[in-house]
Amino acid sequence: MSMQSLNKLVARSIIDPGIVQAFASGSMSEILNEMDLSPELRSTLGQLEATSFVEFAIKAYRIVKASEARMLEIDLPSPMVGLIPDRDCIEDNQAA
């Protein structure tokens, strides 16, 4: 959801000069509070140092992408699990 929120912010900055003005005046935290971001991500983006809004957006995209990549990592079982029978089961089922 964070990347979608960031996309909306950048799109909004095209038609709303208040976004770029908020960046220029150092009050991006007020704008970021309106976005659907985690408190940690909001804090990180609020502390970004950039000389232009474009630079801010580029750095923000990198940070959000990295945070979402960490959240998407899923610990899936090996595809081999369940395909190779356990040795104990084989030995128990063998005829004497």
C-alpha atoms as a PDB file:
ATOM      1  CA  MET A   1       0.000   0.000   0.000  1.00  0.00           C
ATOM      2  CA  SER A   2       2.913   2.321   0.595  1.00  0.00           C
ATOM      3  CA  MET A   3       4.007   2.383  -3.045  1.00  0.00           C
ATOM      4  CA  GLN A   4       0.458   3.181  -4.093  1.00  0.00           C
ATOM      5  CA  SER A   5       0.364   6.051  -1.602  1.00  0.00           C
ATOM      6  CA  LEU A   6       3.672   7.372  -2.873  1.00  0.00           C
ATOM      7  CA  ASN A   7       2.411   7.178  -6.471  1.00  0.00           C
ATOM      8  CA  LYS A   8      -0.633   9.208  -5.441  1.00  0.00           C
ATOM      9  CA  LEU A   9       1.592  11.798  -3.767  1.00  0.00           C
ATOM     10  CA  VAL A  10       3.755  12.222  -6.865  1.00  0.00           C
ATOM     11  CA  ALA A  11       0.696  12.404  -9.120  1.00  0.00           C
ATOM     12  CA  ARG A  12      -0.904  14.925  -6.777  1.00  0.00           C
ATOM     13  CA  SER A  13       2.269  17.035  -6.854  1.00  0.00           C
ATOM     14  CA  ILE A  14       1.744  17.544 -10.590  1.00  0.00           C
ATOM     15  CA  ILE A  15      -1.627  19.238 -10.138  1.00  0.00           C
ATOM     16  CA  ASP A  16      -1.297  20.582  -6.591  1.00  0.00           C
ATOM     17  CA  PRO A  17       1.518  23.116  -6.171  1.00  0.00           C
ATOM     18  CA  GLY A  18       1.003  22.884  -2.405  1.00  0.00           C
ATOM     19  CA  ILE A  19       2.928  19.601  -2.333  1.00  0.00           C
ATOM     20  CA  VAL A  20       6.076  21.118  -3.811  1.00  0.00           C
ATOM     21  CA  GLN A  21       5.618  24.230  -1.663  1.00  0.00           C
ATOM     22  CA  ALA A  22       5.339  22.042   1.445  1.00  0.00           C
ATOM     23  CA  PHE A  23       8.575  20.341   0.440  1.00  0.00           C
ATOM     24  CA  ALA A  24      10.296  23.691  -0.153  1.00  0.00           C
ATOM     25  CA  SER A  25       9.161  25.012   3.221  1.00  0.00           C
ATOM     26  CA  GLY A  26      10.282  21.879   5.041  1.00  0.00           C
ATOM     27  CA  SER A  27       6.806  20.753   6.062  1.00  0.00           C
ATOM     28  CA  MET A  28       6.603  17.456   4.191  1.00  0.00           C
ATOM     29  CA  SER A  29       5.779  15.675   7.438  1.00  0.00           C
ATOM     30  CA  GLU A  30       2.305  17.256   7.355  1.00  0.00           C
ATOM     31  CA  ILE A  31       1.742  15.868   3.857  1.00  0.00           C
ATOM     32  CA  LEU A  32       3.183  12.469   4.786  1.00  0.00           C
ATOM     33  CA  ASN A  33       0.782  12.238   7.743  1.00  0.00           C
ATOM     34  CA  GLU A  34      -2.084  12.181   5.233  1.00  0.00           C
ATOM     35  CA  MET A  35      -0.641   9.158   3.459  1.00  0.00           C
ATOM     36  CA  ASP A  36      -1.249   5.482   4.198  1.00  0.00           C
ATOM     37  CA  LEU A  37       2.234   4.736   5.556  1.00  0.00           C
ATOM     38  CA  SER A  38       3.564   2.933   8.580  1.00  0.00           C
ATOM     39  CA  PRO A  39       4.828   5.239  11.336  1.00  0.00           C
ATOM     40  CA  GLU A  40       8.414   4.041  10.773  1.00  0.00           C
ATOM     41  CA  LEU A  41       8.246   4.695   7.037  1.00  0.00           C
ATOM     42  CA  ARG A  42       6.586   8.067   7.585  1.00  0.00           C
ATOM     43  CA  SER A  43       9.386   9.032   9.953  1.00  0.00           C
ATOM     44  CA  THR A  44      12.087   7.856   7.551  1.00  0.00           C
ATOM     45  CA  LEU A  45      10.585   9.764   4.630  1.00  0.00           C
ATOM     46  CA  GLY A  46      10.086  12.837   6.789  1.00  0.00           C
ATOM     47  CA  GLN A  47      13.806  12.922   7.528  1.00  0.00           C
ATOM     48  CA  LEU A  48      14.933  12.559   3.904  1.00  0.00           C
ATOM     49  CA  GLU A  49      17.351  15.216   2.761  1.00  0.00           C
ATOM     50  CA  ALA A  50      16.919  16.327  -0.849  1.00  0.00           C
ATOM     51  CA  THR A  51      17.568  19.494  -2.811  1.00  0.00           C
ATOM     52  CA  SER A  52      14.410  19.182  -4.938  1.00  0.00           C
ATOM     53  CA  PHE A  53      11.050  17.435  -4.813  1.00  0.00           C
ATOM     54  CA  VAL A  54      12.158  15.226  -7.695  1.00  0.00           C
ATOM     55  CA  GLU A  55      15.169  14.064  -5.691  1.00  0.00           C
ATOM     56  CA  PHE A  56      12.891  13.506  -2.687  1.00  0.00           C
ATOM     57  CA  ALA A  57      10.541  11.374  -4.804  1.00  0.00           C
ATOM     58  CA  ILE A  58      13.411   9.270  -6.186  1.00  0.00           C
ATOM     59  CA  LYS A  59      14.845   8.619  -2.733  1.00  0.00           C
ATOM     60  CA  ALA A  60      11.374   7.935  -1.335  1.00  0.00           C
ATOM     61  CA  TYR A  61      10.670   5.368  -4.072  1.00  0.00           C
ATOM     62  CA  ARG A  62      13.904   3.554  -3.230  1.00  0.00           C
ATOM     63  CA  ILE A  63      13.089   3.463   0.475  1.00  0.00           C
ATOM     64  CA  VAL A  64       9.485   2.352  -0.015  1.00  0.00           C
ATOM     65  CA  LYS A  65      10.494  -0.311  -2.541  1.00  0.00           C
ATOM     66  CA  ALA A  66      13.114  -1.679  -0.159  1.00  0.00           C
ATOM     67  CA  SER A  67      10.664  -1.750   2.751  1.00  0.00           C
ATOM     68  CA  GLU A  68       8.016  -3.520   0.683  1.00  0.00           C
ATOM     69  CA  ALA A  69      10.553  -6.057  -0.580  1.00  0.00           C
ATOM     70  CA  ARG A  70      11.329  -6.976   3.028  1.00  0.00           C
ATOM     71  CA  MET A  71       7.640  -7.355   3.797  1.00  0.00           C
ATOM     72  CA  LEU A  72       7.052  -9.591   0.764  1.00  0.00           C
ATOM     73  CA  GLU A  73       9.700 -12.125   1.688  1.00  0.00           C
ATOM     74  CA  ILE A  74       7.798 -15.271   2.536  1.00  0.00           C
ATOM     75  CA  ASP A  75       9.366 -18.359   4.017  1.00  0.00           C
ATOM     76  CA  LEU A  76       7.981 -21.026   1.709  1.00  0.00           C
ATOM     77  CA  PRO A  77       8.690 -24.701   2.273  1.00  0.00           C
ATOM     78  CA  SER A  78      10.917 -26.534  -0.137  1.00  0.00           C
ATOM     79  CA  PRO A  79       9.067 -28.092  -3.066  1.00  0.00           C
ATOM     80  CA  MET A  80      10.738 -31.365  -2.097  1.00  0.00           C
ATOM     81  CA  VAL A  81       8.885 -31.536   1.224  1.00  0.00           C
ATOM     82  CA  GLY A  82       6.314 -34.293   1.013  1.00  0.00           C
ATOM     83  CA  LEU A  83       7.682 -35.735  -2.213  1.00  0.00           C
ATOM     84  CA  ILE A  84      10.417 -37.828  -0.678  1.00  0.00           C
ATOM     85  CA  PRO A  85       9.056 -40.287   1.879  1.00  0.00           C
ATOM     86  CA  ASP A  86      10.709 -40.475   5.263  1.00  0.00           C
ATOM     87  CA  ARG A  87      13.164 -43.337   5.694  1.00  0.00           C
ATOM     88  CA  ASP A  88      11.464 -44.370   8.948  1.00  0.00           C
ATOM     89  CA  CYS A  89       8.116 -44.837   7.203  1.00  0.00           C
ATOM     90  CA  ILE A  90       9.675 -46.939   4.455  1.00  0.00           C
ATOM     91  CA  GLU A  91      11.430 -49.225   6.925  1.00  0.00           C
ATOM     92  CA  ASP A  92       8.252 -49.709   9.006  1.00  0.00           C
ATOM     93  CA  ASN A  93       6.166 -50.592   5.967  1.00  0.00           C
ATOM     94  CA  GLN A  94       8.563 -53.155   4.481  1.00  0.00           C
ATOM     95  CA  ALA A  95       7.757 -56.834   4.845  1.00  0.00           C
ATOM     96  CA  ALA A  96      10.150 -58.964   6.874  1.00  0.00           C
END
